[in-house]
C-alpha atoms as a PDB file:
ATOM      1  CA  UNK A   1      46.707   9.567   6.469  1.00  0.00           C
ATOM      2  CA  UNK A   2      44.238  11.622   8.327  1.00  0.00           C
ATOM      3  CA  UNK A   3      42.002  12.248   5.070  1.00  0.00           C
ATOM      4  CA  UNK A   4      41.886   8.378   4.594  1.00  0.00           C
ATOM      5  CA  UNK A   5      40.665   7.762   8.070  1.00  0.00           C
ATOM      6  CA  UNK A   6      38.044  10.387   7.422  1.00  0.00           C
ATOM      7  CA  UNK A   7      37.154   9.045   4.187  1.00  0.00           C
ATOM      8  CA  UNK A   8      36.985   5.456   5.885  1.00  0.00           C
ATOM      9  CA  UNK A   9      34.597   7.096   8.736  1.00  0.00           C
ATOM     10  CA  UNK A  10      32.450   8.737   6.155  1.00  0.00           C
ATOM     11  CA  UNK A  11      32.087   5.182   4.116  1.00  0.00           C
ATOM     12  CA  UNK A  12      31.169   3.309   7.465  1.00  0.00           C
ATOM     13  CA  UNK A  13      28.737   6.158   8.180  1.00  0.00           C
ATOM     14  CA  UNK A  14      27.389   6.043   4.761  1.00  0.00           C
ATOM     15  CA  UNK A  15      27.123   2.300   4.827  1.00  0.00           C
ATOM     16  CA  UNK A  16      25.444   2.176   8.160  1.00  0.00           C
ATOM     17  CA  UNK A  17      22.998   4.604   7.153  1.00  0.00           C
ATOM     18  CA  UNK A  18      22.188   2.703   3.936  1.00  0.00           C
ATOM     19  CA  UNK A  19      21.477  -0.562   6.019  1.00  0.00           C
ATOM     20  CA  UNK A  20      19.258   1.529   8.296  1.00  0.00           C
ATOM     21  CA  UNK A  21      17.270   2.810   5.352  1.00  0.00           C
ATOM     22  CA  UNK A  22      17.374  -0.617   3.782  1.00  0.00           C
ATOM     23  CA  UNK A  23      15.924  -2.093   7.083  1.00  0.00           C
ATOM     24  CA  UNK A  24      13.274   0.671   7.363  1.00  0.00           C
ATOM     25  CA  UNK A  25      12.104   0.167   3.505  1.00  0.00           C
ATOM     26  CA  UNK A  26      11.932  -3.479   4.244  1.00  0.00           C
ATOM     27  CA  UNK A  27       9.935  -3.092   6.989  1.00  0.00           C
ATOM     28  CA  UNK A  28       7.599  -0.561   5.244  1.00  0.00           C
ATOM     29  CA  UNK A  29       7.444  -2.943   2.391  1.00  0.00           C
ATOM     30  CA  UNK A  30       6.133  -5.933   4.766  1.00  0.00           C
ATOM     31  CA  UNK A  31       3.719  -3.503   6.517  1.00  0.00           C
ATOM     32  CA  UNK A  32       2.212  -2.438   2.991  1.00  0.00           C
ATOM     33  CA  UNK A  33       2.013  -6.539   1.787  1.00  0.00           C
ATOM     34  CA  UNK A  34       0.241  -7.023   5.020  1.00  0.00           C
ATOM     35  CA  UNK A  35      -2.213  -4.428   4.737  1.00  0.00           C
ATOM     36  CA  UNK A  36      -2.504  -5.369   1.080  1.00  0.00           C
ATOM     37  CA  UNK A  37      -3.326  -8.778   2.077  1.00  0.00           C
ATOM     38  CA  UNK A  38      -5.696  -7.628   4.831  1.00  0.00           C
ATOM     39  CA  UNK A  39      -7.533  -5.404   2.175  1.00  0.00           C
ATOM     40  CA  UNK A  40      -7.634  -8.469  -0.293  1.00  0.00           C
ATOM     41  CA  UNK A  41      -9.394 -10.432   2.440  1.00  0.00           C
ATOM     42  CA  UNK A  42     -11.894  -7.682   3.109  1.00  0.00           C
ATOM     43  CA  UNK A  43     -12.699  -7.681  -0.549  1.00  0.00           C
ATOM     44  CA  UNK A  44     -13.533 -11.399  -0.693  1.00  0.00           C
ATOM     45  CA  UNK A  45     -15.499 -11.337   2.294  1.00  0.00           C
ATOM     46  CA  UNK A  46     -17.390  -8.170   1.012  1.00  0.00           C
ATOM     47  CA  UNK A  47     -17.744 -10.023  -2.290  1.00  0.00           C
ATOM     48  CA  UNK A  48     -19.311 -12.905  -0.418  1.00  0.00           C
ATOM     49  CA  UNK A  49     -21.785 -10.695   1.340  1.00  0.00           C
ATOM     50  CA  UNK A  50     -22.792  -9.217  -2.094  1.00  0.00           C
ATOM     51  CA  UNK A  51     -23.602 -12.544  -3.344  1.00  0.00           C
ATOM     52  CA  UNK A  52     -25.635 -13.523  -0.238  1.00  0.00           C
ATOM     53  CA  UNK A  53     -27.382 -10.072  -0.461  1.00  0.00           C
ATOM     54  CA  UNK A  54     -28.047 -10.652  -4.487  1.00  0.00           C
ATOM     55  CA  UNK A  55     -29.388 -14.009  -3.616  1.00  0.00           C
ATOM     56  CA  UNK A  56     -31.560 -12.912  -0.925  1.00  0.00           C
ATOM     57  CA  UNK A  57     -32.643  -9.806  -3.342  1.00  0.00           C
ATOM     58  CA  UNK A  58     -33.633 -12.684  -6.161  1.00  0.00           C
ATOM     59  CA  UNK A  59     -35.645 -14.688  -3.464  1.00  0.00           C
ATOM     60  CA  UNK A  60     -37.524 -11.666  -2.469  1.00  0.00           C
ATOM     61  CA  UNK A  61     -38.276 -10.650  -6.163  1.00  0.00           C
ATOM     62  CA  UNK A  62     -39.342 -14.272  -6.796  1.00  0.00           C
ATOM     63  CA  UNK A  63     -41.900 -14.159  -3.902  1.00  0.00           C
ATOM     64  CA  UNK A  64     -43.023 -10.726  -4.989  1.00  0.00           C
ATOM     65  CA  UNK A  65     -43.703 -12.255  -8.614  1.00  0.00           C
ATOM     66  CA  UNK A  66     -45.777 -15.130  -7.070  1.00  0.00           C
ATOM     67  CA  UNK A  67     -47.941 -13.005  -4.963  1.00  0.00           C
ATOM     68  CA  UNK A  68     -48.641 -10.526  -7.873  1.00  0.00           C
ATOM     69  CA  UNK A  69     -49.657 -13.621  -9.744  1.00  0.00           C
ATOM     70  CA  UNK A  70     -51.446 -15.098  -6.714  1.00  0.00           C
ATOM     71  CA  UNK A  71     -53.230 -11.741  -6.451  1.00  0.00           C
ATOM     72  CA  UNK A  72     -54.212 -11.343 -10.121  1.00  0.00           C
ATOM     73  CA  UNK A  73     -55.782 -14.725 -10.068  1.00  0.00           C
ATOM     74  CA  UNK A  74     -57.583 -14.162  -6.683  1.00  0.00           C
ATOM     75  CA  UNK A  75     -59.032 -11.023  -8.382  1.00  0.00           C
ATOM     76  CA  UNK A  76     -59.864 -13.030 -11.438  1.00  0.00           C
ATOM     77  CA  UNK A  77     -61.645 -15.868  -9.223  1.00  0.00           C
ATOM     78  CA  UNK A  78     -63.444 -13.214  -7.083  1.00  0.00           C
ATOM     79  CA  UNK A  79     -64.611 -11.603 -10.302  1.00  0.00           C
ATOM     80  CA  UNK A  80     -65.918 -14.850 -11.681  1.00  0.00           C
ATOM     81  CA  UNK A  81     -67.520 -16.091  -8.428  1.00  0.00           C
ATOM     82  CA  UNK A  82     -70.618 -14.170  -7.590  1.00  0.00           C
ATOM     83  CA  UNK A  83     -70.756 -13.043  -4.006  1.00  0.00           C
ATOM     84  CA  UNK A  84     -73.560 -14.381  -1.821  1.00  0.00           C
ATOM     85  CA  UNK A  85     -74.284 -10.856  -0.714  1.00  0.00           C
ATOM     86  CA  UNK A  86     -74.196  -9.574  -4.479  1.00  0.00           C
ATOM     87  CA  UNK A  87     -72.825  -6.306  -3.267  1.00  0.00           C
ATOM     88  CA  UNK A  88     -69.328  -5.304  -4.601  1.00  0.00           C
ATOM     89  CA  UNK A  89     -66.001  -4.498  -2.468  1.00  0.00           C
ATOM     90  CA  UNK A  90     -67.901  -4.744   0.701  1.00  0.00           C
ATOM     91  CA  UNK A  91     -65.891  -5.649   4.051  1.00  0.00           C
ATOM     92  CA  UNK A  92     -68.078  -8.722   4.960  1.00  0.00           C
ATOM     93  CA  UNK A  93     -67.686 -10.270   1.264  1.00  0.00           C
ATOM     94  CA  UNK A  94     -64.709 -13.225   1.007  1.00  0.00           C
ATOM     95  CA  UNK A  95     -63.471 -11.996  -1.869  1.00  0.00           C
ATOM     96  CA  UNK A  96     -62.833  -8.422  -0.427  1.00  0.00           C
ATOM     97  CA  UNK A  97     -61.122  -9.867   2.409  1.00  0.00           C
ATOM     98  CA  UNK A  98     -58.907 -12.290   0.281  1.00  0.00           C
ATOM     99  CA  UNK A  99     -57.781  -9.310  -1.820  1.00  0.00           C
ATOM    100  CA  UNK A 100     -56.873  -7.308   1.146  1.00  0.00           C
ATOM    101  CA  UNK A 101     -54.568 -10.116   2.650  1.00  0.00           C
ATOM    102  CA  UNK A 102     -52.853 -10.511  -0.516  1.00  0.00           C
ATOM    103  CA  UNK A 103     -52.242  -6.773  -0.720  1.00  0.00           C
ATOM    104  CA  UNK A 104     -50.864  -6.613   2.824  1.00  0.00           C
ATOM    105  CA  UNK A 105     -48.443  -9.555   1.509  1.00  0.00           C
ATOM    106  CA  UNK A 106     -47.532  -7.598  -1.326  1.00  0.00           C
ATOM    107  CA  UNK A 107     -46.802  -4.435   0.787  1.00  0.00           C
ATOM    108  CA  UNK A 108     -44.572  -6.269   3.030  1.00  0.00           C
ATOM    109  CA  UNK A 109     -42.699  -8.174   0.269  1.00  0.00           C
ATOM    110  CA  UNK A 110     -42.212  -4.831  -1.188  1.00  0.00           C
ATOM    111  CA  UNK A 111     -40.850  -3.116   2.193  1.00  0.00           C
ATOM    112  CA  UNK A 112     -38.467  -6.444   2.358  1.00  0.00           C
ATOM    113  CA  UNK A 113     -37.137  -5.789  -1.367  1.00  0.00           C
ATOM    114  CA  UNK A 114     -36.482  -2.347  -0.569  1.00  0.00           C
ATOM    115  CA  UNK A 115     -34.251  -3.207   2.437  1.00  0.00           C
ATOM    116  CA  UNK A 116     -32.520  -5.816   0.632  1.00  0.00           C
ATOM    117  CA  UNK A 117     -31.777  -3.183  -2.244  1.00  0.00           C
ATOM    118  CA  UNK A 118     -30.587  -0.735   0.291  1.00  0.00           C
ATOM    119  CA  UNK A 119     -28.275  -3.325   2.250  1.00  0.00           C
ATOM    120  CA  UNK A 120     -26.851  -4.030  -1.547  1.00  0.00           C
ATOM    121  CA  UNK A 121     -25.974  -0.647  -2.010  1.00  0.00           C
ATOM    122  CA  UNK A 122     -24.025  -0.501   1.279  1.00  0.00           C
ATOM    123  CA  UNK A 123     -22.314  -3.771   0.391  1.00  0.00           C
ATOM    124  CA  UNK A 124     -21.561  -2.354  -2.866  1.00  0.00           C
ATOM    125  CA  UNK A 125     -20.111   0.882  -1.358  1.00  0.00           C
ATOM    126  CA  UNK A 126     -18.243  -0.815   1.059  1.00  0.00           C
ATOM    127  CA  UNK A 127     -16.571  -3.030  -1.702  1.00  0.00           C
ATOM    128  CA  UNK A 128     -15.954   0.049  -3.658  1.00  0.00           C
ATOM    129  CA  UNK A 129     -13.853   1.625  -0.771  1.00  0.00           C
ATOM    130  CA  UNK A 130     -12.066  -1.644  -0.023  1.00  0.00           C
ATOM    131  CA  UNK A 131     -10.897  -1.823  -3.837  1.00  0.00           C
ATOM    132  CA  UNK A 132      -9.687   1.899  -3.671  1.00  0.00           C
ATOM    133  CA  UNK A 133      -7.848   0.917  -0.285  1.00  0.00           C
ATOM    134  CA  UNK A 134      -6.114  -2.042  -1.876  1.00  0.00           C
ATOM    135  CA  UNK A 135      -4.955  -0.013  -5.058  1.00  0.00           C
ATOM    136  CA  UNK A 136      -3.286   2.594  -2.840  1.00  0.00           C
ATOM    137  CA  UNK A 137      -1.426   0.026  -0.817  1.00  0.00           C
ATOM    138  CA  UNK A 138      -0.510  -2.051  -4.058  1.00  0.00           C
ATOM    139  CA  UNK A 139       0.909   1.538  -5.359  1.00  0.00           C
ATOM    140  CA  UNK A 140       2.335   2.137  -1.974  1.00  0.00           C
ATOM    141  CA  UNK A 141       4.546  -1.160  -1.900  1.00  0.00           C
ATOM    142  CA  UNK A 142       5.462  -0.377  -5.419  1.00  0.00           C
ATOM    143  CA  UNK A 143       6.913   2.886  -4.532  1.00  0.00           C
ATOM    144  CA  UNK A 144       8.763   1.558  -1.433  1.00  0.00           C
ATOM    145  CA  UNK A 145      10.401  -0.902  -3.774  1.00  0.00           C
ATOM    146  CA  UNK A 146      11.491   1.426  -6.131  1.00  0.00           C
ATOM    147  CA  UNK A 147      12.694   3.950  -3.625  1.00  0.00           C
ATOM    148  CA  UNK A 148      14.597   1.037  -1.845  1.00  0.00           C
ATOM    149  CA  UNK A 149      16.461   0.113  -5.003  1.00  0.00           C
ATOM    150  CA  UNK A 150      17.212   3.869  -5.734  1.00  0.00           C
ATOM    151  CA  UNK A 151      18.639   4.308  -2.496  1.00  0.00           C
ATOM    152  CA  UNK A 152      20.719   1.235  -2.905  1.00  0.00           C
ATOM    153  CA  UNK A 153      21.999   2.688  -5.993  1.00  0.00           C
ATOM    154  CA  UNK A 154      22.778   5.954  -4.737  1.00  0.00           C
ATOM    155  CA  UNK A 155      24.845   4.412  -1.998  1.00  0.00           C
ATOM    156  CA  UNK A 156      26.548   2.015  -4.441  1.00  0.00           C
ATOM    157  CA  UNK A 157      27.759   5.007  -6.534  1.00  0.00           C
ATOM    158  CA  UNK A 158      28.417   7.418  -3.683  1.00  0.00           C
ATOM    159  CA  UNK A 159      30.681   4.598  -2.105  1.00  0.00           C
ATOM    160  CA  UNK A 160      32.505   3.983  -5.172  1.00  0.00           C
ATOM    161  CA  UNK A 161      32.974   7.697  -5.711  1.00  0.00           C
ATOM    162  CA  UNK A 162      34.819   7.808  -2.412  1.00  0.00           C
ATOM    163  CA  UNK A 163      37.013   5.144  -3.056  1.00  0.00           C
ATOM    164  CA  UNK A 164      40.259   6.020  -4.842  1.00  0.00           C
ATOM    165  CA  UNK A 165      41.558   2.548  -5.324  1.00  0.00           C
ATOM    166  CA  UNK A 166      38.547   0.803  -6.884  1.00  0.00           C
ATOM    167  CA  UNK A 167      37.794  -1.976  -4.304  1.00  0.00           C
ATOM    168  CA  UNK A 168      36.482  -4.904  -6.359  1.00  0.00           C
ATOM    169  CA  UNK A 169      35.138  -7.019  -3.468  1.00  0.00           C
ATOM    170  CA  UNK A 170      32.787  -3.805  -2.570  1.00  0.00           C
ATOM    171  CA  UNK A 171      31.479  -3.662  -6.497  1.00  0.00           C
ATOM    172  CA  UNK A 172      31.003  -7.201  -6.443  1.00  0.00           C
ATOM    173  CA  UNK A 173      28.671  -7.132  -3.262  1.00  0.00           C
ATOM    174  CA  UNK A 174      26.619  -4.777  -4.824  1.00  0.00           C
ATOM    175  CA  UNK A 175      26.468  -6.172  -8.360  1.00  0.00           C
ATOM    176  CA  UNK A 176      23.013  -7.762  -7.711  1.00  0.00           C
ATOM    177  CA  UNK A 177      21.480  -4.519  -6.759  1.00  0.00           C
ATOM    178  CA  UNK A 178      22.617  -2.922 -10.011  1.00  0.00           C
ATOM    179  CA  UNK A 179      21.366  -5.877 -12.037  1.00  0.00           C
ATOM    180  CA  UNK A 180      17.903  -5.569 -10.084  1.00  0.00           C
ATOM    181  CA  UNK A 181      17.782  -1.796 -10.553  1.00  0.00           C
ATOM    182  CA  UNK A 182      18.617  -2.469 -14.281  1.00  0.00           C
ATOM    183  CA  UNK A 183      15.505  -4.971 -14.684  1.00  0.00           C
ATOM    184  CA  UNK A 184      13.394  -3.204 -12.445  1.00  0.00           C
END
């Protein structure tokens, strides 16, 4: 009789421990899913920033090409038009001052392009980091699910080993865990 009471107490304790582990696994799974969702949102935001940065870069490149074309046409016009002073590339010459202003504009556009490219690199690195974090969170969630099912199966087999009478309602209660484990 004492042995049966001890077995019943052990079964109750095992059941409570299994329920505690199940609750902890569910909480861990929920936290991992929330973290995964947050990382997915971060990825979406970074992708939007990346597209905006790429669009800005394209605009800067377009402006650069226009400025280069403008500079070339200005230099061609300056070569065709004779300067009243008849001295090449003097500071008071109109074509020389026009060429300098276009060169200054070209330098400014090149600096802007460099800044945009640096920003693009930064966003690409952030996107890569977020994707790695998402993959890690997804792996942890998958591992937790497997751990949860393995713990339930262990509890099921452990519980049936303690039972000498073959409690059928107990087996029916955990039949769905067995089915999940077989499928999963």
